[in-house]
Amino acid sequence: MPTYLYKNLETGEIYELQQSMRDEPYTTHPESGAPVKRVLARPGIAFKGSGFYVTDSRPKSGE
């Protein structure tokens, strides 16, 4: 099950909550009942450089 970040609207505290991708986002914290909002997080991987091309993984002709 994926983990999503939620921010408490009253205190600003950030929570990690697990829920199915098919479920609607929480509007209240499941245990405390505090109002929460889902926040976007940066991905854990970043590709830097000139780029990745289809030809990068192909062997040179004649090999």
PDB file of N, CA and C in Angstrom:
ATOM      1  N   MET A   1       0.834  -1.170   0.000  1.00  0.00           N
ATOM      2  CA  MET A   1       0.000   0.000   0.000  1.00  0.00           C
ATOM      3  C   MET A   1       0.893   1.253   0.000  1.00  0.00           C
ATOM      4  N   PRO A   2       0.573   2.242  -0.811  1.00  0.00           N
ATOM      5  CA  PRO A   2       1.389   3.457  -0.858  1.00  0.00           C
ATOM      6  C   PRO A   2       1.263   4.299   0.408  1.00  0.00           C
ATOM      7  N   THR A   3       2.304   5.067   0.668  1.00  0.00           N
ATOM      8  CA  THR A   3       2.332   5.987   1.802  1.00  0.00           C
ATOM      9  C   THR A   3       2.204   7.411   1.273  1.00  0.00           C
ATOM     10  N   TYR A   4       1.321   8.197   1.856  1.00  0.00           N
ATOM     11  CA  TYR A   4       1.094   9.578   1.444  1.00  0.00           C
ATOM     12  C   TYR A   4       1.416  10.513   2.599  1.00  0.00           C
ATOM     13  N   LEU A   5       1.819  11.739   2.265  1.00  0.00           N
ATOM     14  CA  LEU A   5       2.081  12.755   3.270  1.00  0.00           C
ATOM     15  C   LEU A   5       0.836  13.603   3.463  1.00  0.00           C
ATOM     16  N   TYR A   6       0.482  13.836   4.716  1.00  0.00           N
ATOM     17  CA  TYR A   6      -0.645  14.690   5.070  1.00  0.00           C
ATOM     18  C   TYR A   6      -0.169  15.733   6.067  1.00  0.00           C
ATOM     19  N   LYS A   7      -0.688  16.941   5.936  1.00  0.00           N
ATOM     20  CA  LYS A   7      -0.331  18.030   6.835  1.00  0.00           C
ATOM     21  C   LYS A   7      -1.530  18.373   7.709  1.00  0.00           C
ATOM     22  N   ASN A   8      -1.288  18.460   9.022  1.00  0.00           N
ATOM     23  CA  ASN A   8      -2.320  18.883   9.956  1.00  0.00           C
ATOM     24  C   ASN A   8      -2.556  20.370   9.743  1.00  0.00           C
ATOM     25  N   LEU A   9      -3.788  20.768   9.446  1.00  0.00           N
ATOM     26  CA  LEU A   9      -4.101  22.159   9.139  1.00  0.00           C
ATOM     27  C   LEU A   9      -4.066  23.063  10.366  1.00  0.00           C
ATOM     28  N   GLU A  10      -4.158  22.493  11.552  1.00  0.00           N
ATOM     29  CA  GLU A  10      -4.137  23.295  12.770  1.00  0.00           C
ATOM     30  C   GLU A  10      -2.715  23.509  13.291  1.00  0.00           C
ATOM     31  N   THR A  11      -1.907  22.454  13.311  1.00  0.00           N
ATOM     32  CA  THR A  11      -0.572  22.532  13.914  1.00  0.00           C
ATOM     33  C   THR A  11       0.557  22.589  12.884  1.00  0.00           C
ATOM     34  N   GLY A  12       0.293  22.184  11.643  1.00  0.00           N
ATOM     35  CA  GLY A  12       1.327  22.156  10.616  1.00  0.00           C
ATOM     36  C   GLY A  12       2.171  20.892  10.639  1.00  0.00           C
ATOM     37  N   GLU A  13       1.858  19.957  11.527  1.00  0.00           N
ATOM     38  CA  GLU A  13       2.602  18.703  11.625  1.00  0.00           C
ATOM     39  C   GLU A  13       2.368  17.855  10.377  1.00  0.00           C
ATOM     40  N   ILE A  14       3.419  17.144   9.942  1.00  0.00           N
ATOM     41  CA  ILE A  14       3.342  16.286   8.756  1.00  0.00           C
ATOM     42  C   ILE A  14       3.207  14.829   9.205  1.00  0.00           C
ATOM     43  N   TYR A  15       2.264  14.110   8.603  1.00  0.00           N
ATOM     44  CA  TYR A  15       2.043  12.694   8.891  1.00  0.00           C
ATOM     45  C   TYR A  15       2.279  11.872   7.638  1.00  0.00           C
ATOM     46  N   GLU A  16       2.717  10.631   7.831  1.00  0.00           N
ATOM     47  CA  GLU A  16       2.773   9.643   6.748  1.00  0.00           C
ATOM     48  C   GLU A  16       1.648   8.652   7.008  1.00  0.00           C
ATOM     49  N   LEU A  17       0.709   8.572   6.093  1.00  0.00           N
ATOM     50  CA  LEU A  17      -0.425   7.664   6.240  1.00  0.00           C
ATOM     51  C   LEU A  17      -0.482   6.723   5.052  1.00  0.00           C
ATOM     52  N   GLN A  18      -0.763   5.453   5.320  1.00  0.00           N
ATOM     53  CA  GLN A  18      -0.904   4.464   4.258  1.00  0.00           C
ATOM     54  C   GLN A  18      -2.367   4.314   3.893  1.00  0.00           C
ATOM     55  N   GLN A  19      -2.620   4.280   2.594  1.00  0.00           N
ATOM     56  CA  GLN A  19      -3.973   4.032   2.118  1.00  0.00           C
ATOM     57  C   GLN A  19      -3.902   3.537   0.684  1.00  0.00           C
ATOM     58  N   SER A  20      -4.947   2.882   0.262  1.00  0.00           N
ATOM     59  CA  SER A  20      -5.020   2.369  -1.100  1.00  0.00           C
ATOM     60  C   SER A  20      -5.075   3.528  -2.094  1.00  0.00           C
ATOM     61  N   MET A  21      -4.548   3.297  -3.283  1.00  0.00           N
ATOM     62  CA  MET A  21      -4.583   4.315  -4.325  1.00  0.00           C
ATOM     63  C   MET A  21      -6.014   4.597  -4.765  1.00  0.00           C
ATOM     64  N   ARG A  22      -6.908   3.673  -4.556  1.00  0.00           N
ATOM     65  CA  ARG A  22      -8.309   3.835  -4.962  1.00  0.00           C
ATOM     66  C   ARG A  22      -9.123   4.631  -3.955  1.00  0.00           C
ATOM     67  N   ASP A  23      -8.627   4.761  -2.725  1.00  0.00           N
ATOM     68  CA  ASP A  23      -9.364   5.489  -1.688  1.00  0.00           C
ATOM     69  C   ASP A  23      -9.300   6.988  -1.926  1.00  0.00           C
ATOM     70  N   GLU A  24     -10.328   7.689  -1.485  1.00  0.00           N
ATOM     71  CA  GLU A  24     -10.338   9.151  -1.518  1.00  0.00           C
ATOM     72  C   GLU A  24      -9.336   9.666  -0.488  1.00  0.00           C
ATOM     73  N   PRO A  25      -8.710  10.819  -0.732  1.00  0.00           N
ATOM     74  CA  PRO A  25      -7.781  11.371   0.258  1.00  0.00           C
ATOM     75  C   PRO A  25      -8.487  11.659   1.581  1.00  0.00           C
ATOM     76  N   TYR A  26      -7.744  11.482   2.677  1.00  0.00           N
ATOM     77  CA  TYR A  26      -8.301  11.790   3.991  1.00  0.00           C
ATOM     78  C   TYR A  26      -8.556  13.288   4.113  1.00  0.00           C
ATOM     79  N   THR A  27      -9.601  13.651   4.838  1.00  0.00           N
ATOM     80  CA  THR A  27      -9.853  15.045   5.194  1.00  0.00           C
ATOM     81  C   THR A  27      -9.651  15.246   6.691  1.00  0.00           C
ATOM     82  N   THR A  28      -9.711  14.143   7.439  1.00  0.00           N
ATOM     83  CA  THR A  28      -9.414  14.172   8.869  1.00  0.00           C
ATOM     84  C   THR A  28      -8.460  13.028   9.185  1.00  0.00           C
ATOM     85  N   HIS A  29      -7.637  13.226  10.206  1.00  0.00           N
ATOM     86  CA  HIS A  29      -6.705  12.175  10.626  1.00  0.00           C
ATOM     87  C   HIS A  29      -7.521  11.002  11.148  1.00  0.00           C
ATOM     88  N   PRO A  30      -7.191   9.764  10.722  1.00  0.00           N
ATOM     89  CA  PRO A  30      -8.016   8.615  11.098  1.00  0.00           C
ATOM     90  C   PRO A  30      -8.059   8.347  12.606  1.00  0.00           C
ATOM     91  N   GLU A  31      -7.019   8.729  13.363  1.00  0.00           N
ATOM     92  CA  GLU A  31      -7.004   8.445  14.803  1.00  0.00           C
ATOM     93  C   GLU A  31      -7.423   9.646  15.647  1.00  0.00           C
ATOM     94  N   SER A  32      -6.904  10.835  15.311  1.00  0.00           N
ATOM     95  CA  SER A  32      -7.172  12.004  16.162  1.00  0.00           C
ATOM     96  C   SER A  32      -8.370  12.825  15.697  1.00  0.00           C
ATOM     97  N   GLY A  33      -8.757  12.722  14.441  1.00  0.00           N
ATOM     98  CA  GLY A  33      -9.882  13.481  13.915  1.00  0.00           C
ATOM     99  C   GLY A  33      -9.525  14.906  13.521  1.00  0.00           C
ATOM    100  N   ALA A  34      -8.232  15.265  13.598  1.00  0.00           N
ATOM    101  CA  ALA A  34      -7.788  16.616  13.231  1.00  0.00           C
ATOM    102  C   ALA A  34      -7.901  16.799  11.717  1.00  0.00           C
ATOM    103  N   PRO A  35      -8.224  18.008  11.245  1.00  0.00           N
ATOM    104  CA  PRO A  35      -8.313  18.241   9.797  1.00  0.00           C
ATOM    105  C   PRO A  35      -6.933  18.152   9.148  1.00  0.00           C
ATOM    106  N   VAL A  36      -6.842  17.399   8.045  1.00  0.00           N
ATOM    107  CA  VAL A  36      -5.580  17.214   7.335  1.00  0.00           C
ATOM    108  C   VAL A  36      -5.778  17.446   5.847  1.00  0.00           C
ATOM    109  N   LYS A  37      -4.673  17.683   5.155  1.00  0.00           N
ATOM    110  CA  LYS A  37      -4.684  17.866   3.707  1.00  0.00           C
ATOM    111  C   LYS A  37      -3.472  17.137   3.137  1.00  0.00           C
ATOM    112  N   ARG A  38      -3.677  16.435   2.011  1.00  0.00           N
ATOM    113  CA  ARG A  38      -2.569  15.710   1.377  1.00  0.00           C
ATOM    114  C   ARG A  38      -1.610  16.711   0.741  1.00  0.00           C
ATOM    115  N   VAL A  39      -0.317  16.491   0.937  1.00  0.00           N
ATOM    116  CA  VAL A  39       0.697  17.349   0.345  1.00  0.00           C
ATOM    117  C   VAL A  39       1.527  16.526  -0.635  1.00  0.00           C
ATOM    118  N   LEU A  40       2.029  17.195  -1.657  1.00  0.00           N
ATOM    119  CA  LEU A  40       2.862  16.526  -2.651  1.00  0.00           C
ATOM    120  C   LEU A  40       4.293  16.469  -2.169  1.00  0.00           C
ATOM    121  N   ALA A  41       4.957  15.365  -2.444  1.00  0.00           N
ATOM    122  CA  ALA A  41       6.350  15.186  -2.051  1.00  0.00           C
ATOM    123  C   ALA A  41       7.198  15.020  -3.305  1.00  0.00           C
ATOM    124  N   ARG A  42       8.448  15.417  -3.202  1.00  0.00           N
ATOM    125  CA  ARG A  42       9.366  15.223  -4.331  1.00  0.00           C
ATOM    126  C   ARG A  42       9.655  13.741  -4.512  1.00  0.00           C
ATOM    127  N   PRO A  43       9.863  13.310  -5.746  1.00  0.00           N
ATOM    128  CA  PRO A  43      10.199  11.902  -5.958  1.00  0.00           C
ATOM    129  C   PRO A  43      11.570  11.583  -5.376  1.00  0.00           C
ATOM    130  N   GLY A  44      11.788  10.332  -5.073  1.00  0.00           N
ATOM    131  CA  GLY A  44      13.044   9.902  -4.470  1.00  0.00           C
ATOM    132  C   GLY A  44      14.192   9.758  -5.440  1.00  0.00           C
ATOM    133  N   ILE A  45      13.966   9.997  -6.724  1.00  0.00           N
ATOM    134  CA  ILE A  45      15.020   9.835  -7.718  1.00  0.00           C
ATOM    135  C   ILE A  45      14.979  11.031  -8.673  1.00  0.00           C
ATOM    136  N   ALA A  46      16.142  11.482  -9.085  1.00  0.00           N
ATOM    137  CA  ALA A  46      16.221  12.598 -10.032  1.00  0.00           C
ATOM    138  C   ALA A  46      17.300  12.278 -11.056  1.00  0.00           C
ATOM    139  N   PHE A  47      16.961  12.349 -12.314  1.00  0.00           N
ATOM    140  CA  PHE A  47      17.914  12.120 -13.388  1.00  0.00           C
ATOM    141  C   PHE A  47      18.504  13.456 -13.809  1.00  0.00           C
ATOM    142  N   LYS A  48      19.826  13.553 -13.759  1.00  0.00           N
ATOM    143  CA  LYS A  48      20.498  14.783 -14.157  1.00  0.00           C
ATOM    144  C   LYS A  48      21.485  14.452 -15.267  1.00  0.00           C
ATOM    145  N   GLY A  49      21.739  15.402 -16.116  1.00  0.00           N
ATOM    146  CA  GLY A  49      22.696  15.194 -17.186  1.00  0.00           C
ATOM    147  C   GLY A  49      22.108  15.574 -18.521  1.00  0.00           C
ATOM    148  N   SER A  50      22.775  15.132 -19.563  1.00  0.00           N
ATOM    149  CA  SER A  50      22.367  15.518 -20.914  1.00  0.00           C
ATOM    150  C   SER A  50      21.107  14.796 -21.374  1.00  0.00           C
ATOM    151  N   GLY A  51      20.780  13.673 -20.761  1.00  0.00           N
ATOM    152  CA  GLY A  51      19.557  12.977 -21.135  1.00  0.00           C
ATOM    153  C   GLY A  51      19.783  11.501 -21.371  1.00  0.00           C
ATOM    154  N   PHE A  52      18.711  10.795 -21.563  1.00  0.00           N
ATOM    155  CA  PHE A  52      18.741   9.373 -21.816  1.00  0.00           C
ATOM    156  C   PHE A  52      18.012   9.121 -23.126  1.00  0.00           C
ATOM    157  N   TYR A  53      18.653   8.385 -23.995  1.00  0.00           N
ATOM    158  CA  TYR A  53      18.108   8.170 -25.327  1.00  0.00           C
ATOM    159  C   TYR A  53      17.961   6.684 -25.586  1.00  0.00           C
ATOM    160  N   VAL A  54      17.134   6.328 -26.548  1.00  0.00           N
ATOM    161  CA  VAL A  54      16.919   4.940 -26.915  1.00  0.00           C
ATOM    162  C   VAL A  54      18.224   4.316 -27.377  1.00  0.00           C
ATOM    163  N   THR A  55      19.054   5.086 -28.053  1.00  0.00           N
ATOM    164  CA  THR A  55      20.303   4.542 -28.595  1.00  0.00           C
ATOM    165  C   THR A  55      21.358   4.300 -27.518  1.00  0.00           C
ATOM    166  N   ASP A  56      21.178   4.791 -26.298  1.00  0.00           N
ATOM    167  CA  ASP A  56      22.169   4.601 -25.247  1.00  0.00           C
ATOM    168  C   ASP A  56      22.318   3.143 -24.834  1.00  0.00           C
ATOM    169  N   SER A  57      21.263   2.360 -24.921  1.00  0.00           N
ATOM    170  CA  SER A  57      21.335   0.970 -24.462  1.00  0.00           C
ATOM    171  C   SER A  57      21.529  -0.032 -25.605  1.00  0.00           C
ATOM    172  N   ARG A  58      21.543   0.447 -26.820  1.00  0.00           N
ATOM    173  CA  ARG A  58      21.707  -0.455 -27.959  1.00  0.00           C
ATOM    174  C   ARG A  58      23.191  -0.674 -28.242  1.00  0.00           C
ATOM    175  N   PRO A  59      23.544  -1.902 -28.636  1.00  0.00           N
ATOM    176  CA  PRO A  59      24.937  -2.137 -29.019  1.00  0.00           C
ATOM    177  C   PRO A  59      25.263  -1.415 -30.330  1.00  0.00           C
ATOM    178  N   LYS A  60      26.524  -1.060 -30.500  1.00  0.00           N
ATOM    179  CA  LYS A  60      26.953  -0.421 -31.723  1.00  0.00           C
ATOM    180  C   LYS A  60      26.779  -1.376 -32.892  1.00  0.00           C
ATOM    181  N   SER A  61      26.574  -0.882 -34.081  1.00  0.00           N
ATOM    182  CA  SER A  61      26.396  -1.765 -35.239  1.00  0.00           C
ATOM    183  C   SER A  61      27.711  -2.508 -35.482  1.00  0.00           C
ATOM    184  N   GLY A  62      27.591  -3.792 -35.775  1.00  0.00           N
ATOM    185  CA  GLY A  62      28.769  -4.608 -36.032  1.00  0.00           C
ATOM    186  C   GLY A  62      29.236  -5.364 -34.788  1.00  0.00           C
ATOM    187  N   GLU A  63      28.616  -5.147 -33.655  1.00  0.00           N
ATOM    188  CA  GLU A  63      29.011  -5.879 -32.453  1.00  0.00           C
ATOM    189  C   GLU A  63      28.124  -7.085 -32.244  1.00  0.00           C
TER     190      GLU A  63
END
